Amino acid sequence: MLPRFRLLWAILSLTLGVHFTGAAASAQGDYPPGPIEVIVPFAAGGGVDVMGRVAAEILRKSLNRTFVVSNRPGANSNIGNQFVARAKPDGNTLLVSSVGLAANKALYKNLTYDPLSDFTPVSLISNAPLGLFVNKSVPANDLKEFIAYLKANPGKLNYASYGVGSSPYLATELFQFLTGTKMVHVPFKGNGPAVSATLGDTTQVIFCSTVAAGPFVENGELKALAYANDTRARNMPSLPTFIERGVDFKMGTWFGLLGPANLPPALVQALNAGLKQGISSPDVQKRFDNQGADAIASSPNEFAQFLKDETARFADMIRNAGIAPE
C-alpha cells in the first residue's frame, strides 16, 4: 500500500474530534429551503445505502432540513454518480458514494463523468476494512495454506463480488496480483447474494466485512483467513492482518459525501460542519461499529486530495493487474 495513502488515513482518523454545533447552526441560513435529495448509487440495504441514510439523518438533525435518500443503482454506481454530476450545484442534490467513484475511471472506456472535476467533495464519512473469508470446503485454514492451494490449483476456485469495480472485486484482483494466484470472478447484484453464494459453495471465496461474515465464521460455515487493515478487527480480534502474515495488503470500502461541481463554499461548509457534528456523537459511533466501519470526518480539501490519490492508486492497480476497461 502506498505510504502516502497510509499517512492520509492516519491523519483523517485523528481529524478534529470536536463539536461543530456553532458552525453548523450559523450555516443553516446559507442553505436553501426545501427537501435535499441524497443519491445512493446502489440498491437499498447495502453498505453504501446504510451510510447514506446515516448521513442523511445526521444532516437533518444538524441543519434542520429535510434530507431524502433516493437509490439509483446500476453500472457499479455510474448511474447515480452521473445523475449528481449533471445536477444543478444548488445544494438540493447530493451523493453518498464509495470506492467505485475512484475506480470507475480506469474500468470504463466511455465514462460520462469525471470523478475529480464533476463533483465537489464535502467529507469522508467512514471506512470499512475487508476480511478474506472462504467456504468451509476450501482445504486451507490460514492465509499461507490458502495461497499455496491457489497456486497449485489456478482457476479452480470462484470468488464472489457485487460487480466489476466493487470493493470485493478490487480487493480480490489486487490480492491475486500480489500473490500470483488466479480465481474465477462470479458477480452478484449485492453483497448479501454474494455472501449467500459463498455459504452455498457456488463461490468459495469472498472479501467482505467482518460484521457480514462474523455469524458464519462462528457457526463454522466460513473460515476467516486475514483482515485487510493495519490493525485487527475489534469484533474479530483473533483474525490476523495480511501484514502480520507477510502480505502488504490493505483494502476497505470508504464512503463519502459529495455534491455537483461548483457547489457554493457556504453550502459545502454547512454540510461539512453538520456532518462532523453528528459523526462525533456516541450513537453514530456505535452505528458505525455495528457496520464494522471506522468513522471519519475530513475537511473538503482532505477528501478532495484523498479522492485524487485513490483515483491514481486504482488506475495503477487496475493497469498492473491487467484488467481491461469495459
Protein backbone atom coordinates (compact mmCIF):
# COMPACT_ATOMS: atom_id res chain seq x y z
CA MET A 1 0.00 0.00 0.00
CA LEU A 2 1.26 3.44 -0.83
CA PRO A 3 2.89 5.20 2.16
CA ARG A 4 1.05 8.42 1.30
CA PHE A 5 -2.29 6.60 1.42
CA ARG A 6 -1.47 5.16 4.85
CA LEU A 7 -0.42 8.54 6.15
CA LEU A 8 -3.61 10.17 4.90
CA TRP A 9 -5.77 7.56 6.60
CA ALA A 10 -3.89 8.16 9.84
CA ILE A 11 -4.41 11.89 9.57
CA LEU A 12 -8.08 11.55 8.70
CA SER A 13 -8.73 9.14 11.53
CA LEU A 14 -7.47 11.71 14.03
CA THR A 15 -9.06 14.75 12.43
CA LEU A 16 -10.82 17.17 14.73
CA GLY A 17 -12.81 15.12 17.19
CA VAL A 18 -14.63 18.23 18.46
CA HIS A 19 -18.17 19.52 18.06
CA PHE A 20 -19.09 21.97 15.36
CA THR A 21 -22.51 22.89 16.73
CA GLY A 22 -21.99 26.62 16.38
CA ALA A 23 -20.66 26.39 12.82
CA ALA A 24 -23.50 24.14 11.69
CA ALA A 25 -26.11 26.34 13.30
CA SER A 26 -24.74 29.53 11.79
CA ALA A 27 -24.56 27.91 8.36
CA GLN A 28 -28.23 26.87 8.34
CA GLY A 29 -29.18 30.26 7.00
CA ASP A 30 -26.97 29.68 3.95
CA TYR A 31 -28.81 26.52 2.96
CA PRO A 32 -31.77 26.78 0.56
CA PRO A 33 -35.22 25.77 1.82
CA GLY A 34 -36.96 22.62 0.66
CA PRO A 35 -36.03 18.92 0.65
CA ILE A 36 -32.49 17.84 -0.27
CA GLU A 37 -32.12 14.60 -2.26
CA VAL A 38 -29.26 12.32 -1.23
CA ILE A 39 -28.45 9.95 -4.10
CA VAL A 40 -27.17 6.49 -3.19
CA PRO A 41 -25.87 4.79 -6.37
CA PHE A 42 -26.57 1.28 -5.07
CA ALA A 43 -29.67 -0.70 -4.13
CA ALA A 44 -31.31 -0.36 -0.74
CA GLY A 45 -29.94 -2.49 2.08
CA GLY A 46 -26.23 -2.49 1.20
CA GLY A 47 -23.37 -0.75 2.96
CA VAL A 48 -23.49 2.43 0.86
CA ASP A 49 -27.24 2.66 1.42
CA VAL A 50 -26.79 2.32 5.18
CA MET A 51 -24.13 5.03 5.24
CA GLY A 52 -26.24 7.26 3.02
CA ARG A 53 -29.16 7.03 5.40
CA VAL A 54 -26.95 7.67 8.42
CA ALA A 55 -25.50 10.75 6.70
CA ALA A 56 -29.00 12.00 5.77
CA GLU A 57 -30.19 11.58 9.34
CA ILE A 58 -27.14 13.40 10.71
CA LEU A 59 -27.64 16.32 8.35
CA ARG A 60 -31.36 16.50 9.04
CA LYS A 61 -30.68 16.92 12.75
CA SER A 62 -27.69 19.23 12.32
CA LEU A 63 -29.12 21.56 9.67
CA ASN A 64 -32.85 21.28 10.43
CA ARG A 65 -33.61 20.48 6.80
CA THR A 66 -35.37 17.54 5.12
CA PHE A 67 -32.94 15.06 3.54
CA VAL A 68 -34.47 12.30 1.40
CA VAL A 69 -32.44 9.26 0.28
CA SER A 70 -33.01 8.09 -3.30
CA ASN A 71 -31.47 4.87 -4.59
CA ARG A 72 -30.27 4.99 -8.21
CA PRO A 73 -28.36 1.71 -8.64
CA GLY A 74 -26.66 0.33 -11.71
CA ALA A 75 -23.35 0.01 -13.57
CA ASN A 76 -21.25 -0.10 -10.41
CA SER A 77 -22.57 3.28 -9.20
CA ASN A 78 -22.19 5.01 -12.59
CA ILE A 79 -25.91 5.77 -12.97
CA GLY A 80 -26.22 7.52 -9.62
CA ASN A 81 -22.84 9.23 -9.92
CA GLN A 82 -23.73 10.59 -13.35
CA PHE A 83 -27.08 11.87 -12.10
CA VAL A 84 -25.40 14.01 -9.44
CA ALA A 85 -22.61 15.12 -11.78
CA ARG A 86 -25.28 16.61 -14.06
CA ALA A 87 -27.37 18.16 -11.27
CA LYS A 88 -27.51 21.88 -10.53
CA PRO A 89 -24.97 22.95 -7.87
CA ASP A 90 -27.65 24.45 -5.65
CA GLY A 91 -27.29 22.06 -2.70
CA ASN A 92 -30.54 20.22 -3.41
CA THR A 93 -28.84 17.12 -4.87
CA LEU A 94 -26.04 15.31 -3.04
CA LEU A 95 -24.22 11.99 -3.42
CA VAL A 96 -23.04 9.37 -0.98
CA SER A 97 -20.68 7.21 -2.99
CA SER A 98 -17.83 4.80 -2.45
CA VAL A 99 -14.77 3.14 -3.96
CA GLY A 100 -16.28 2.79 -7.43
CA LEU A 101 -16.27 6.56 -7.85
CA ALA A 102 -12.46 6.47 -7.86
CA ALA A 103 -12.01 3.15 -9.65
CA ASN A 104 -14.51 3.52 -12.48
CA LYS A 105 -12.38 5.93 -14.49
CA ALA A 106 -9.91 3.10 -15.13
CA LEU A 107 -12.60 0.42 -15.54
CA TYR A 108 -14.86 2.01 -18.15
CA LYS A 109 -13.77 3.39 -21.52
CA ASN A 110 -16.68 5.77 -22.02
CA LEU A 111 -17.35 7.13 -18.55
CA THR A 112 -19.77 10.05 -18.79
CA TYR A 113 -18.40 11.97 -15.80
CA ASP A 114 -15.03 12.75 -14.28
CA PRO A 115 -14.64 11.79 -10.61
CA LEU A 116 -12.27 14.68 -9.95
CA SER A 117 -13.75 17.59 -11.92
CA ASP A 118 -17.50 16.89 -11.88
CA PHE A 119 -18.00 16.78 -8.11
CA THR A 120 -17.45 18.90 -5.01
CA PRO A 121 -16.07 16.74 -2.17
CA VAL A 122 -17.68 17.55 1.19
CA SER A 123 -16.37 14.94 3.63
CA LEU A 124 -15.34 11.36 4.03
CA ILE A 125 -17.84 9.57 6.27
CA SER A 126 -16.28 6.23 7.17
CA ASN A 127 -14.06 3.35 6.11
CA ALA A 128 -14.91 -0.34 6.50
CA PRO A 129 -11.88 -2.66 6.10
CA LEU A 130 -12.47 -6.01 4.42
CA GLY A 131 -11.64 -9.53 5.54
CA LEU A 132 -10.87 -12.59 3.42
CA PHE A 133 -13.30 -15.45 4.03
CA VAL A 134 -13.64 -18.87 2.39
CA ASN A 135 -16.20 -21.63 2.35
CA LYS A 136 -15.60 -24.41 4.87
CA SER A 137 -14.89 -26.80 1.96
CA VAL A 138 -11.70 -24.98 0.98
CA PRO A 139 -8.74 -27.10 2.17
CA ALA A 140 -6.88 -24.25 3.86
CA ASN A 141 -7.01 -22.97 7.42
CA ASP A 142 -4.75 -19.95 7.19
CA LEU A 143 -3.51 -17.47 4.60
CA LYS A 144 -0.29 -19.34 3.84
CA GLU A 145 -2.14 -22.58 3.14
CA PHE A 146 -4.72 -20.75 1.04
CA ILE A 147 -2.13 -19.07 -1.19
CA ALA A 148 -0.32 -22.39 -1.63
CA TYR A 149 -3.60 -24.08 -2.61
CA LEU A 150 -4.43 -21.36 -5.13
CA LYS A 151 -1.01 -21.61 -6.73
CA ALA A 152 -1.36 -25.37 -7.02
CA ASN A 153 -4.91 -25.08 -8.40
CA PRO A 154 -5.18 -21.95 -10.60
CA GLY A 155 -8.73 -21.15 -11.67
CA LYS A 156 -10.30 -23.87 -9.55
CA LEU A 157 -11.99 -21.61 -7.00
CA ASN A 158 -14.66 -18.99 -7.69
CA TYR A 159 -14.75 -15.65 -5.90
CA ALA A 160 -17.85 -13.54 -5.31
CA SER A 161 -18.34 -9.81 -5.66
CA TYR A 162 -21.18 -7.44 -6.42
CA GLY A 163 -19.75 -6.41 -9.77
CA VAL A 164 -16.70 -5.11 -11.58
CA GLY A 165 -15.34 -2.13 -9.65
CA SER A 166 -16.93 -3.11 -6.33
CA SER A 167 -14.72 -3.31 -3.26
CA PRO A 168 -14.72 -7.14 -3.13
CA TYR A 169 -13.81 -7.28 -6.84
CA LEU A 170 -10.95 -4.79 -6.48
CA ALA A 171 -9.72 -6.43 -3.30
CA THR A 172 -9.63 -9.90 -4.89
CA GLU A 173 -7.98 -8.70 -8.08
CA LEU A 174 -5.28 -6.88 -6.10
CA PHE A 175 -4.81 -9.92 -3.85
CA GLN A 176 -4.34 -12.16 -6.91
CA PHE A 177 -1.87 -9.70 -8.42
CA LEU A 178 0.18 -9.52 -5.21
CA THR A 179 0.24 -13.28 -4.63
CA GLY A 180 0.47 -14.56 -8.21
CA THR A 181 -2.76 -16.53 -7.95
CA LYS A 182 -5.87 -16.91 -10.10
CA MET A 183 -9.58 -17.38 -9.31
CA VAL A 184 -12.76 -17.07 -11.38
CA HIS A 185 -14.93 -14.00 -10.84
CA VAL A 186 -18.68 -14.52 -10.29
CA PRO A 187 -20.57 -11.22 -9.87
CA PHE A 188 -23.85 -10.82 -7.97
CA LYS A 189 -26.36 -7.99 -7.53
CA GLY A 190 -25.38 -7.16 -3.97
CA ASN A 191 -23.23 -8.09 -1.00
CA GLY A 192 -26.00 -10.25 0.52
CA PRO A 193 -26.33 -12.53 -2.51
CA ALA A 194 -22.53 -12.70 -2.80
CA VAL A 195 -22.20 -13.87 0.80
CA SER A 196 -25.06 -16.35 0.32
CA ALA A 197 -23.35 -17.81 -2.75
CA THR A 198 -20.16 -18.32 -0.77
CA LEU A 199 -22.09 -20.02 2.01
CA GLY A 200 -23.71 -22.30 -0.57
CA ASP A 201 -20.39 -23.16 -2.25
CA THR A 202 -21.43 -21.65 -5.60
CA THR A 203 -18.45 -19.44 -4.92
CA GLN A 204 -15.78 -20.32 -2.39
CA VAL A 205 -14.07 -17.00 -1.66
CA ILE A 206 -15.23 -13.53 -0.70
CA PHE A 207 -13.83 -10.29 0.64
CA CYS A 208 -16.43 -8.67 2.90
CA SER A 209 -16.80 -7.01 6.28
CA THR A 210 -16.23 -8.93 9.48
CA VAL A 211 -19.76 -7.94 10.51
CA ALA A 212 -21.30 -9.63 7.45
CA ALA A 213 -19.18 -12.77 7.82
CA GLY A 214 -18.99 -12.97 11.62
CA PRO A 215 -22.03 -15.18 12.33
CA PHE A 216 -20.98 -17.68 9.65
CA VAL A 217 -17.43 -17.86 10.98
CA GLU A 218 -18.85 -18.59 14.42
CA ASN A 219 -21.06 -21.44 13.16
CA GLY A 220 -18.28 -22.90 11.01
CA GLU A 221 -19.76 -22.23 7.56
CA LEU A 222 -16.95 -19.81 6.68
CA LYS A 223 -13.26 -19.71 7.55
CA ALA A 224 -11.66 -16.35 8.31
CA LEU A 225 -8.15 -16.08 6.84
CA ALA A 226 -6.95 -12.46 7.10
CA TYR A 227 -8.00 -8.83 7.66
CA ALA A 228 -7.03 -6.12 5.19
CA ASN A 229 -6.15 -3.36 7.63
CA ASP A 230 -3.19 -2.12 9.69
CA THR A 231 -4.80 -3.32 12.93
CA ARG A 232 -7.04 -6.25 13.78
CA ALA A 233 -10.83 -6.02 13.71
CA ARG A 234 -12.45 -5.08 17.01
CA ASN A 235 -15.18 -7.69 16.58
CA MET A 236 -12.78 -10.42 15.40
CA PRO A 237 -9.53 -9.85 17.34
CA SER A 238 -8.18 -13.36 16.71
CA LEU A 239 -8.10 -12.76 12.94
CA PRO A 240 -4.56 -11.74 11.85
CA THR A 241 -3.97 -8.97 9.36
CA PHE A 242 -2.47 -9.61 5.94
CA ILE A 243 0.56 -7.59 7.02
CA GLU A 244 1.06 -9.89 10.00
CA ARG A 245 1.11 -12.80 7.58
CA GLY A 246 3.67 -11.21 5.27
CA VAL A 247 1.39 -9.78 2.57
CA ASP A 248 1.49 -5.97 2.26
CA PHE A 249 -2.21 -5.62 1.58
CA LYS A 250 -4.83 -3.21 2.88
CA MET A 251 -8.30 -2.65 1.42
CA GLY A 252 -11.55 -1.21 2.67
CA THR A 253 -14.79 0.30 1.50
CA TRP A 254 -14.80 4.03 2.11
CA PHE A 255 -17.88 6.22 1.98
CA GLY A 256 -18.01 9.93 1.23
CA LEU A 257 -20.43 12.83 0.74
CA LEU A 258 -20.19 14.95 -2.41
CA GLY A 259 -22.18 17.46 -4.42
CA PRO A 260 -22.05 18.53 -8.06
CA ALA A 261 -19.09 20.61 -9.21
CA ASN A 262 -19.17 24.29 -8.22
CA LEU A 263 -21.26 23.77 -5.10
CA PRO A 264 -21.14 27.14 -3.26
CA PRO A 265 -18.49 27.23 -0.48
CA ALA A 266 -21.07 28.31 2.12
CA LEU A 267 -23.13 25.18 1.44
CA VAL A 268 -20.04 22.97 1.49
CA GLN A 269 -19.12 24.42 4.89
CA ALA A 270 -22.68 23.94 6.19
CA LEU A 271 -22.74 20.28 5.14
CA ASN A 272 -19.22 19.59 6.39
CA ALA A 273 -19.85 21.16 9.78
CA GLY A 274 -23.19 19.40 10.17
CA LEU A 275 -21.69 16.03 9.30
CA LYS A 276 -18.78 16.47 11.70
CA GLN A 277 -21.15 17.43 14.49
CA GLY A 278 -23.20 14.27 14.04
CA ILE A 279 -20.34 11.85 13.46
CA SER A 280 -18.83 12.77 16.82
CA SER A 281 -21.92 11.57 18.73
CA PRO A 282 -21.70 8.24 20.64
CA ASP A 283 -24.89 6.99 18.97
CA VAL A 284 -23.46 7.40 15.46
CA GLN A 285 -20.13 5.92 16.51
CA LYS A 286 -22.00 2.85 17.76
CA ARG A 287 -23.91 2.54 14.50
CA PHE A 288 -20.64 2.63 12.57
CA ASP A 289 -19.19 -0.03 14.87
CA ASN A 290 -22.21 -2.22 14.11
CA GLN A 291 -21.32 -1.94 10.41
CA GLY A 292 -17.64 -2.75 11.00
CA ALA A 293 -16.74 0.80 9.95
CA ASP A 294 -14.46 3.47 11.36
CA ALA A 295 -15.99 6.95 11.46
CA ILE A 296 -14.06 9.68 9.65
CA ALA A 297 -14.85 13.39 9.47
CA SER A 298 -12.49 15.02 6.99
CA SER A 299 -12.30 18.52 5.61
CA PRO A 300 -13.41 19.11 2.00
CA ASN A 301 -9.78 19.63 0.94
CA GLU A 302 -8.67 16.42 2.63
CA PHE A 303 -11.41 14.48 0.88
CA ALA A 304 -10.52 16.07 -2.48
CA GLN A 305 -6.87 15.03 -2.07
CA PHE A 306 -7.91 11.57 -0.89
CA LEU A 307 -10.15 11.12 -3.94
CA LYS A 308 -7.32 12.23 -6.23
CA ASP A 309 -4.93 9.75 -4.58
CA GLU A 310 -7.48 6.93 -4.74
CA THR A 311 -8.20 7.53 -8.42
CA ALA A 312 -4.47 7.34 -9.20
CA ARG A 313 -3.99 4.30 -6.96
CA PHE A 314 -6.78 2.31 -8.59
CA ALA A 315 -5.61 3.29 -12.08
CA ASP A 316 -2.15 1.88 -11.28
CA MET A 317 -3.60 -1.23 -9.64
CA ILE A 318 -6.01 -1.96 -12.49
CA ARG A 319 -3.30 -1.46 -15.11
CA ASN A 320 -0.77 -3.60 -13.25
CA ALA A 321 -3.32 -6.36 -12.72
CA GLY A 322 -4.05 -6.44 -16.44
CA ILE A 323 -7.75 -5.62 -16.09
CA ALA A 324 -9.07 -4.39 -19.43
CA PRO A 325 -11.56 -1.50 -19.27
CA GLU A 326 -15.08 -2.27 -20.47
